[in-house]
Amino acid sequence: MNLQSLRQRLEPALRRFFHLYWLLARGMTLGVRAVILDSENRVFLVRHTYVSGWHLPGGGVEPGETFRDALRRELAEEGRIELTGEPELHGLFLNSHVSRRDHIAVYLVRHFSQDRLPEPNREIAACGFFELQALPADTTTGTRLRISEVMEGRAPMTSWR
């Protein structure tokens, strides 16, 4: 038996094995992100301590948690932001920079307050509002893409639930 025929026989089995391994080792994860605009149409961004660049606030949806609960929790933890109205669901996106199975729900938030919550958690190095035309140079490509999609109204979804 030559090397080519051995490879042809083993490859399908190896693919199945590794596919099963990755499904069991890391199941699909869900996350939320928010494009938060203030009354002056400035966008809120955060800088994490563990990764470079400026990002939209948000994070993972914990087991048993709704998208709404995750969004409220993440905004409070990362930016001292409390929702005072219902955000608009912009869309659900494949976040292929993390994994082919990770999906992110992106919301537009216009109604919020920022004074009554405790300081942001230790994962946040900095946060603040920025002019849409003058985002920091190290704002991530994915963040810029999501902001432009929301601002241009591309592929919006209007249902919160």
N, C-alpha and C. Protein backbone atom coordinates (compact mmCIF):
# COMPACT_ATOMS: atom_id res chain seq x y z
N MET A 1 0.86 -1.17 0.00
CA MET A 1 0.00 0.00 0.00
C MET A 1 0.91 1.24 0.00
N ASN A 2 0.62 2.15 -0.89
CA ASN A 2 1.45 3.36 -0.95
C ASN A 2 0.90 4.44 -0.01
N LEU A 3 1.68 5.48 0.16
CA LEU A 3 1.34 6.57 1.08
C LEU A 3 0.05 7.28 0.68
N GLN A 4 -0.15 7.46 -0.60
CA GLN A 4 -1.36 8.15 -1.09
C GLN A 4 -2.63 7.38 -0.72
N SER A 5 -2.65 6.08 -0.91
CA SER A 5 -3.85 5.30 -0.60
C SER A 5 -4.08 5.24 0.91
N LEU A 6 -3.00 5.18 1.68
CA LEU A 6 -3.14 5.21 3.15
C LEU A 6 -3.78 6.54 3.60
N ARG A 7 -3.30 7.60 3.02
CA ARG A 7 -3.85 8.93 3.35
C ARG A 7 -5.33 9.01 2.98
N GLN A 8 -5.71 8.50 1.82
CA GLN A 8 -7.10 8.52 1.40
C GLN A 8 -8.00 7.71 2.33
N ARG A 9 -7.47 6.65 2.91
CA ARG A 9 -8.25 5.84 3.83
C ARG A 9 -8.38 6.48 5.21
N LEU A 10 -7.30 7.10 5.68
CA LEU A 10 -7.30 7.68 7.02
C LEU A 10 -7.96 9.07 7.11
N GLU A 11 -7.88 9.83 6.05
CA GLU A 11 -8.36 11.21 6.10
C GLU A 11 -9.82 11.35 6.52
N PRO A 12 -10.77 10.60 5.98
CA PRO A 12 -12.17 10.75 6.42
C PRO A 12 -12.35 10.44 7.91
N ALA A 13 -11.67 9.42 8.39
CA ALA A 13 -11.79 9.08 9.81
C ALA A 13 -11.20 10.17 10.69
N LEU A 14 -10.06 10.71 10.29
CA LEU A 14 -9.44 11.79 11.06
C LEU A 14 -10.32 13.04 11.07
N ARG A 15 -10.92 13.35 9.94
CA ARG A 15 -11.83 14.51 9.88
C ARG A 15 -13.00 14.33 10.85
N ARG A 16 -13.60 13.15 10.84
CA ARG A 16 -14.72 12.89 11.75
C ARG A 16 -14.26 12.99 13.21
N PHE A 17 -13.10 12.42 13.51
CA PHE A 17 -12.58 12.47 14.87
C PHE A 17 -12.37 13.92 15.32
N PHE A 18 -11.67 14.72 14.52
CA PHE A 18 -11.39 16.09 14.92
C PHE A 18 -12.65 16.95 14.94
N HIS A 19 -13.58 16.69 14.06
CA HIS A 19 -14.86 17.42 14.08
C HIS A 19 -15.58 17.14 15.40
N LEU A 20 -15.67 15.88 15.78
CA LEU A 20 -16.31 15.50 17.04
C LEU A 20 -15.55 16.09 18.22
N TYR A 21 -14.22 16.03 18.19
CA TYR A 21 -13.41 16.59 19.27
C TYR A 21 -13.71 18.08 19.47
N TRP A 22 -13.71 18.87 18.39
CA TRP A 22 -13.94 20.31 18.53
C TRP A 22 -15.38 20.62 18.96
N LEU A 23 -16.34 19.82 18.52
CA LEU A 23 -17.72 20.03 18.98
C LEU A 23 -17.84 19.81 20.48
N LEU A 24 -17.16 18.77 20.99
CA LEU A 24 -17.24 18.48 22.41
C LEU A 24 -16.35 19.42 23.24
N ALA A 25 -15.20 19.77 22.71
CA ALA A 25 -14.26 20.61 23.46
C ALA A 25 -14.72 22.05 23.56
N ARG A 26 -15.43 22.53 22.56
CA ARG A 26 -15.86 23.93 22.58
C ARG A 26 -17.15 24.04 21.79
N GLY A 27 -18.26 24.02 22.49
CA GLY A 27 -19.54 24.15 21.83
C GLY A 27 -19.76 25.56 21.33
N MET A 28 -20.84 25.76 20.61
CA MET A 28 -21.15 27.07 20.07
C MET A 28 -21.32 28.08 21.20
N THR A 29 -20.74 29.23 21.06
CA THR A 29 -20.90 30.29 22.04
C THR A 29 -21.64 31.45 21.41
N LEU A 30 -22.37 32.17 22.23
CA LEU A 30 -23.12 33.34 21.78
C LEU A 30 -22.62 34.56 22.51
N GLY A 31 -22.68 35.70 21.86
CA GLY A 31 -22.25 36.95 22.48
C GLY A 31 -23.16 38.09 22.08
N VAL A 32 -23.02 39.19 22.79
CA VAL A 32 -23.76 40.41 22.47
C VAL A 32 -22.76 41.57 22.36
N ARG A 33 -23.07 42.51 21.47
CA ARG A 33 -22.30 43.75 21.32
C ARG A 33 -23.30 44.87 21.16
N ALA A 34 -22.89 46.07 21.56
CA ALA A 34 -23.79 47.22 21.47
C ALA A 34 -23.09 48.40 20.81
N VAL A 35 -23.77 48.99 19.83
CA VAL A 35 -23.36 50.27 19.28
C VAL A 35 -24.18 51.29 20.07
N ILE A 36 -23.51 51.96 21.01
CA ILE A 36 -24.18 52.91 21.90
C ILE A 36 -23.91 54.31 21.39
N LEU A 37 -24.99 55.03 21.07
CA LEU A 37 -24.86 56.40 20.58
C LEU A 37 -25.46 57.36 21.59
N ASP A 38 -24.71 58.41 21.92
CA ASP A 38 -25.23 59.43 22.84
C ASP A 38 -26.02 60.48 22.04
N SER A 39 -26.50 61.52 22.72
CA SER A 39 -27.33 62.54 22.08
C SER A 39 -26.56 63.34 21.02
N GLU A 40 -25.24 63.30 21.07
CA GLU A 40 -24.42 63.99 20.08
C GLU A 40 -23.94 63.05 18.97
N ASN A 41 -24.51 61.86 18.91
CA ASN A 41 -24.17 60.83 17.92
C ASN A 41 -22.72 60.36 18.02
N ARG A 42 -22.19 60.36 19.23
CA ARG A 42 -20.86 59.79 19.48
C ARG A 42 -21.06 58.34 19.91
N VAL A 43 -20.10 57.50 19.58
CA VAL A 43 -20.20 56.07 19.87
C VAL A 43 -19.32 55.74 21.08
N PHE A 44 -19.82 54.81 21.90
CA PHE A 44 -19.12 54.37 23.11
C PHE A 44 -18.25 53.18 22.77
N LEU A 45 -16.96 53.24 23.14
CA LEU A 45 -16.02 52.14 22.91
C LEU A 45 -15.28 51.80 24.19
N VAL A 46 -14.79 50.58 24.27
CA VAL A 46 -14.01 50.14 25.43
C VAL A 46 -12.67 49.58 24.98
N ARG A 47 -11.68 49.71 25.86
CA ARG A 47 -10.36 49.11 25.65
C ARG A 47 -10.16 48.11 26.78
N HIS A 48 -9.95 46.85 26.40
CA HIS A 48 -9.75 45.79 27.39
C HIS A 48 -8.28 45.71 27.81
N THR A 49 -8.04 45.13 28.97
CA THR A 49 -6.68 44.97 29.46
C THR A 49 -5.97 43.78 28.80
N TYR A 50 -6.73 42.84 28.23
CA TYR A 50 -6.15 41.60 27.74
C TYR A 50 -6.05 41.50 26.22
N VAL A 51 -6.49 42.54 25.49
CA VAL A 51 -6.42 42.53 24.03
C VAL A 51 -6.25 43.98 23.56
N SER A 52 -5.56 44.16 22.46
CA SER A 52 -5.31 45.52 21.99
C SER A 52 -6.49 46.08 21.20
N GLY A 53 -6.54 47.38 21.09
CA GLY A 53 -7.54 48.07 20.28
C GLY A 53 -8.79 48.45 21.05
N TRP A 54 -9.60 49.28 20.40
CA TRP A 54 -10.89 49.72 20.94
C TRP A 54 -11.98 48.84 20.34
N HIS A 55 -12.98 48.50 21.18
CA HIS A 55 -14.03 47.55 20.80
C HIS A 55 -15.40 48.09 21.22
N LEU A 56 -16.42 47.51 20.60
CA LEU A 56 -17.78 47.74 21.09
C LEU A 56 -17.93 47.03 22.42
N PRO A 57 -18.68 47.60 23.36
CA PRO A 57 -18.90 46.90 24.62
C PRO A 57 -19.77 45.68 24.41
N GLY A 58 -19.56 44.69 25.24
CA GLY A 58 -20.35 43.47 25.17
C GLY A 58 -19.53 42.30 25.63
N GLY A 59 -20.11 41.12 25.48
CA GLY A 59 -19.42 39.92 25.93
C GLY A 59 -20.27 38.70 25.69
N GLY A 60 -19.96 37.64 26.40
CA GLY A 60 -20.62 36.37 26.21
C GLY A 60 -21.96 36.25 26.90
N VAL A 61 -22.81 35.43 26.32
CA VAL A 61 -24.09 35.08 26.93
C VAL A 61 -23.85 33.83 27.75
N GLU A 62 -24.09 33.93 29.05
CA GLU A 62 -23.85 32.80 29.96
C GLU A 62 -24.95 31.75 29.79
N PRO A 63 -24.67 30.49 30.14
CA PRO A 63 -25.71 29.45 30.07
C PRO A 63 -26.94 29.85 30.89
N GLY A 64 -28.11 29.73 30.29
CA GLY A 64 -29.36 30.07 30.97
C GLY A 64 -29.70 31.56 30.96
N GLU A 65 -28.87 32.37 30.36
CA GLU A 65 -29.07 33.82 30.33
C GLU A 65 -29.68 34.22 28.99
N THR A 66 -30.58 35.19 29.00
CA THR A 66 -31.16 35.69 27.75
C THR A 66 -30.21 36.73 27.14
N PHE A 67 -30.44 37.04 25.87
CA PHE A 67 -29.66 38.09 25.22
C PHE A 67 -29.84 39.41 25.97
N ARG A 68 -31.07 39.69 26.37
CA ARG A 68 -31.37 40.94 27.08
C ARG A 68 -30.59 41.01 28.40
N ASP A 69 -30.63 39.94 29.16
CA ASP A 69 -29.89 39.92 30.44
C ASP A 69 -28.39 40.06 30.23
N ALA A 70 -27.86 39.38 29.21
CA ALA A 70 -26.43 39.47 28.93
C ALA A 70 -26.04 40.89 28.52
N LEU A 71 -26.86 41.52 27.69
CA LEU A 71 -26.57 42.89 27.27
C LEU A 71 -26.57 43.84 28.46
N ARG A 72 -27.59 43.73 29.31
CA ARG A 72 -27.64 44.59 30.51
C ARG A 72 -26.41 44.37 31.41
N ARG A 73 -26.08 43.11 31.66
CA ARG A 73 -24.95 42.79 32.53
C ARG A 73 -23.64 43.30 31.95
N GLU A 74 -23.39 43.03 30.68
CA GLU A 74 -22.13 43.43 30.05
C GLU A 74 -21.98 44.96 30.00
N LEU A 75 -23.05 45.67 29.69
CA LEU A 75 -22.96 47.13 29.63
C LEU A 75 -22.70 47.72 31.01
N ALA A 76 -23.31 47.14 32.03
CA ALA A 76 -23.07 47.61 33.40
C ALA A 76 -21.63 47.33 33.82
N GLU A 77 -21.13 46.14 33.50
CA GLU A 77 -19.77 45.76 33.89
C GLU A 77 -18.70 46.55 33.15
N GLU A 78 -18.91 46.80 31.86
CA GLU A 78 -17.86 47.39 31.05
C GLU A 78 -17.91 48.91 30.96
N GLY A 79 -19.09 49.49 31.14
CA GLY A 79 -19.15 50.93 30.93
C GLY A 79 -20.05 51.70 31.87
N ARG A 80 -20.50 51.04 32.95
CA ARG A 80 -21.41 51.68 33.89
C ARG A 80 -22.68 52.18 33.18
N ILE A 81 -23.11 51.46 32.17
CA ILE A 81 -24.26 51.87 31.37
C ILE A 81 -25.47 51.05 31.77
N GLU A 82 -26.56 51.76 32.02
CA GLU A 82 -27.83 51.13 32.36
C GLU A 82 -28.84 51.46 31.26
N LEU A 83 -29.47 50.44 30.72
CA LEU A 83 -30.48 50.66 29.68
C LEU A 83 -31.70 51.32 30.28
N THR A 84 -32.21 52.38 29.63
CA THR A 84 -33.43 53.03 30.08
C THR A 84 -34.55 52.87 29.07
N GLY A 85 -34.26 52.26 27.95
CA GLY A 85 -35.24 51.96 26.91
C GLY A 85 -34.81 50.69 26.22
N GLU A 86 -35.63 50.25 25.28
CA GLU A 86 -35.29 49.01 24.58
C GLU A 86 -34.33 49.28 23.44
N PRO A 87 -33.24 48.54 23.39
CA PRO A 87 -32.32 48.66 22.25
C PRO A 87 -32.91 48.00 21.01
N GLU A 88 -32.39 48.35 19.86
CA GLU A 88 -32.85 47.77 18.60
C GLU A 88 -31.87 46.66 18.19
N LEU A 89 -32.41 45.48 17.95
CA LEU A 89 -31.56 44.39 17.45
C LEU A 89 -31.20 44.70 16.01
N HIS A 90 -29.93 44.85 15.75
CA HIS A 90 -29.47 45.13 14.39
C HIS A 90 -29.31 43.84 13.59
N GLY A 91 -28.75 42.81 14.21
CA GLY A 91 -28.57 41.55 13.50
C GLY A 91 -27.77 40.55 14.30
N LEU A 92 -27.75 39.34 13.80
CA LEU A 92 -26.98 38.25 14.38
C LEU A 92 -25.92 37.89 13.36
N PHE A 93 -24.64 37.92 13.78
CA PHE A 93 -23.54 37.77 12.84
C PHE A 93 -22.62 36.63 13.25
N LEU A 94 -22.09 35.94 12.25
CA LEU A 94 -21.03 34.97 12.46
C LEU A 94 -19.78 35.76 12.80
N ASN A 95 -19.16 35.45 13.91
CA ASN A 95 -17.95 36.14 14.34
C ASN A 95 -16.76 35.25 14.01
N SER A 96 -16.40 35.18 12.74
CA SER A 96 -15.40 34.22 12.28
C SER A 96 -13.99 34.51 12.77
N HIS A 97 -13.75 35.67 13.38
CA HIS A 97 -12.42 35.94 13.92
C HIS A 97 -12.16 35.08 15.16
N VAL A 98 -13.20 34.63 15.82
CA VAL A 98 -13.05 33.83 17.04
C VAL A 98 -13.16 32.35 16.70
N SER A 99 -14.25 31.98 16.08
CA SER A 99 -14.49 30.59 15.73
C SER A 99 -15.58 30.57 14.68
N ARG A 100 -15.61 29.58 13.86
CA ARG A 100 -16.66 29.47 12.84
C ARG A 100 -18.04 29.25 13.48
N ARG A 101 -18.08 28.87 14.75
CA ARG A 101 -19.36 28.59 15.39
C ARG A 101 -19.84 29.72 16.30
N ASP A 102 -19.05 30.75 16.51
CA ASP A 102 -19.46 31.82 17.41
C ASP A 102 -20.33 32.84 16.68
N HIS A 103 -21.41 33.25 17.33
CA HIS A 103 -22.33 34.23 16.76
C HIS A 103 -22.51 35.38 17.74
N ILE A 104 -22.63 36.59 17.18
CA ILE A 104 -22.74 37.79 17.97
C ILE A 104 -24.03 38.52 17.58
N ALA A 105 -24.86 38.86 18.58
CA ALA A 105 -26.04 39.69 18.35
C ALA A 105 -25.61 41.14 18.58
N VAL A 106 -25.87 42.00 17.60
CA VAL A 106 -25.47 43.41 17.67
C VAL A 106 -26.72 44.27 17.84
N TYR A 107 -26.68 45.14 18.86
CA TYR A 107 -27.79 46.02 19.18
C TYR A 107 -27.39 47.48 19.02
N LEU A 108 -28.37 48.31 18.68
CA LEU A 108 -28.21 49.76 18.69
C LEU A 108 -28.87 50.27 19.95
N VAL A 109 -28.10 51.01 20.77
CA VAL A 109 -28.60 51.53 22.05
C VAL A 109 -28.56 53.05 21.99
N ARG A 110 -29.73 53.66 22.19
CA ARG A 110 -29.81 55.13 22.22
C ARG A 110 -30.34 55.65 23.55
N HIS A 111 -30.99 54.78 24.33
CA HIS A 111 -31.61 55.21 25.58
C HIS A 111 -30.91 54.52 26.75
N PHE A 112 -30.12 55.30 27.51
CA PHE A 112 -29.32 54.74 28.59
C PHE A 112 -28.96 55.85 29.58
N SER A 113 -28.51 55.42 30.75
CA SER A 113 -27.92 56.36 31.71
C SER A 113 -26.59 55.78 32.13
N GLN A 114 -25.74 56.64 32.70
CA GLN A 114 -24.39 56.18 33.01
C GLN A 114 -23.91 56.67 34.36
N ASP A 115 -24.78 57.05 35.27
CA ASP A 115 -24.27 57.63 36.52
C ASP A 115 -24.41 56.76 37.76
N ARG A 116 -25.32 55.82 37.80
CA ARG A 116 -25.64 55.19 39.08
C ARG A 116 -24.96 53.86 39.33
N LEU A 117 -24.16 53.39 38.43
CA LEU A 117 -23.58 52.06 38.58
C LEU A 117 -22.14 52.13 39.10
N PRO A 118 -21.62 51.02 39.66
CA PRO A 118 -20.24 51.02 40.16
C PRO A 118 -19.23 51.17 39.01
N GLU A 119 -17.97 51.35 39.37
CA GLU A 119 -16.90 51.50 38.38
C GLU A 119 -16.83 50.27 37.47
N PRO A 120 -16.35 50.44 36.23
CA PRO A 120 -16.19 49.29 35.34
C PRO A 120 -15.26 48.25 35.96
N ASN A 121 -15.39 47.00 35.51
CA ASN A 121 -14.57 45.93 36.08
C ASN A 121 -13.10 46.07 35.67
N ARG A 122 -12.26 45.24 36.25
CA ARG A 122 -10.81 45.32 36.03
C ARG A 122 -10.37 44.93 34.63
N GLU A 123 -11.26 44.33 33.86
CA GLU A 123 -10.92 43.96 32.48
C GLU A 123 -10.89 45.18 31.56
N ILE A 124 -11.42 46.30 32.01
CA ILE A 124 -11.53 47.49 31.18
C ILE A 124 -10.41 48.47 31.54
N ALA A 125 -9.54 48.75 30.55
CA ALA A 125 -8.44 49.69 30.76
C ALA A 125 -8.92 51.13 30.56
N ALA A 126 -9.87 51.33 29.63
CA ALA A 126 -10.39 52.67 29.34
C ALA A 126 -11.71 52.52 28.60
N CYS A 127 -12.53 53.55 28.66
CA CYS A 127 -13.77 53.57 27.91
C CYS A 127 -14.18 55.03 27.70
N GLY A 128 -15.00 55.26 26.70
CA GLY A 128 -15.46 56.61 26.45
C GLY A 128 -16.20 56.75 25.13
N PHE A 129 -16.73 57.96 24.91
CA PHE A 129 -17.46 58.27 23.69
C PHE A 129 -16.53 58.93 22.69
N PHE A 130 -16.70 58.58 21.41
CA PHE A 130 -15.86 59.10 20.33
C PHE A 130 -16.72 59.55 19.17
N GLU A 131 -16.28 60.61 18.50
CA GLU A 131 -16.94 61.07 17.28
C GLU A 131 -16.84 59.97 16.23
N LEU A 132 -17.92 59.77 15.49
CA LEU A 132 -17.92 58.72 14.47
C LEU A 132 -16.86 58.95 13.40
N GLN A 133 -16.57 60.20 13.10
CA GLN A 133 -15.58 60.52 12.07
C GLN A 133 -14.15 60.55 12.62
N ALA A 134 -13.99 60.39 13.93
CA ALA A 134 -12.67 60.47 14.54
C ALA A 134 -12.46 59.34 15.55
N LEU A 135 -12.72 58.12 15.13
CA LEU A 135 -12.48 56.97 16.00
C LEU A 135 -10.98 56.82 16.22
N PRO A 136 -10.58 56.28 17.38
CA PRO A 136 -9.14 56.05 17.61
C PRO A 136 -8.54 55.19 16.50
N ALA A 137 -7.29 55.46 16.18
CA ALA A 137 -6.62 54.75 15.09
C ALA A 137 -6.61 53.24 15.29
N ASP A 138 -6.54 52.79 16.55
CA ASP A 138 -6.48 51.35 16.81
C ASP A 138 -7.85 50.73 17.11
N THR A 139 -8.91 51.34 16.60
CA THR A 139 -10.23 50.72 16.68
C THR A 139 -10.21 49.50 15.76
N THR A 140 -10.67 48.37 16.25
CA THR A 140 -10.57 47.13 15.47
C THR A 140 -11.42 47.19 14.20
N THR A 141 -11.00 46.40 13.22
CA THR A 141 -11.70 46.35 11.94
C THR A 141 -13.15 45.89 12.13
N GLY A 142 -13.35 44.86 12.96
CA GLY A 142 -14.70 44.36 13.21
C GLY A 142 -15.59 45.41 13.85
N THR A 143 -15.03 46.19 14.76
CA THR A 143 -15.79 47.26 15.41
C THR A 143 -16.19 48.32 14.38
N ARG A 144 -15.26 48.72 13.54
CA ARG A 144 -15.56 49.71 12.50
C ARG A 144 -16.65 49.20 11.55
N LEU A 145 -16.57 47.91 11.20
CA LEU A 145 -17.55 47.31 10.30
C LEU A 145 -18.94 47.33 10.93
N ARG A 146 -19.06 46.88 12.18
CA ARG A 146 -20.37 46.86 12.85
C ARG A 146 -20.94 48.27 13.00
N ILE A 147 -20.11 49.24 13.34
CA ILE A 147 -20.60 50.62 13.47
C ILE A 147 -21.12 51.12 12.14
N SER A 148 -20.38 50.89 11.07
CA SER A 148 -20.82 51.38 9.76
C SER A 148 -22.10 50.68 9.31
N GLU A 149 -22.22 49.38 9.59
CA GLU A 149 -23.45 48.67 9.22
C GLU A 149 -24.66 49.25 9.95
N VAL A 150 -24.51 49.51 11.24
CA VAL A 150 -25.62 50.06 12.01
C VAL A 150 -25.96 51.47 11.54
N MET A 151 -24.95 52.30 11.32
CA MET A 151 -25.18 53.69 10.91
C MET A 151 -25.78 53.78 9.51
N GLU A 152 -25.42 52.86 8.63
CA GLU A 152 -25.96 52.86 7.28
C GLU A 152 -27.28 52.11 7.19
N GLY A 153 -27.67 51.46 8.27
CA GLY A 153 -28.94 50.73 8.29
C GLY A 153 -28.93 49.47 7.47
N ARG A 154 -27.76 48.89 7.25
CA ARG A 154 -27.68 47.65 6.47
C ARG A 154 -28.18 46.48 7.29
N ALA A 155 -29.04 45.68 6.72
CA ALA A 155 -29.53 44.43 7.30
C ALA A 155 -30.05 44.58 8.71
N PRO A 156 -30.86 45.62 9.02
CA PRO A 156 -31.36 45.73 10.39
C PRO A 156 -32.46 44.72 10.68
N MET A 157 -32.55 44.35 11.93
CA MET A 157 -33.66 43.54 12.43
C MET A 157 -34.33 44.39 13.48
N THR A 158 -35.65 44.46 13.50
CA THR A 158 -36.33 45.35 14.43
C THR A 158 -36.82 44.67 15.68
N SER A 159 -36.80 43.37 15.75
CA SER A 159 -37.34 42.68 16.92
C SER A 159 -36.29 42.55 18.01
N TRP A 160 -36.65 42.89 19.23
CA TRP A 160 -35.76 42.77 20.39
C TRP A 160 -35.81 41.35 20.93
N ARG A 161 -36.89 40.69 20.85
CA ARG A 161 -37.08 39.39 21.50
C ARG A 161 -36.51 38.25 20.73
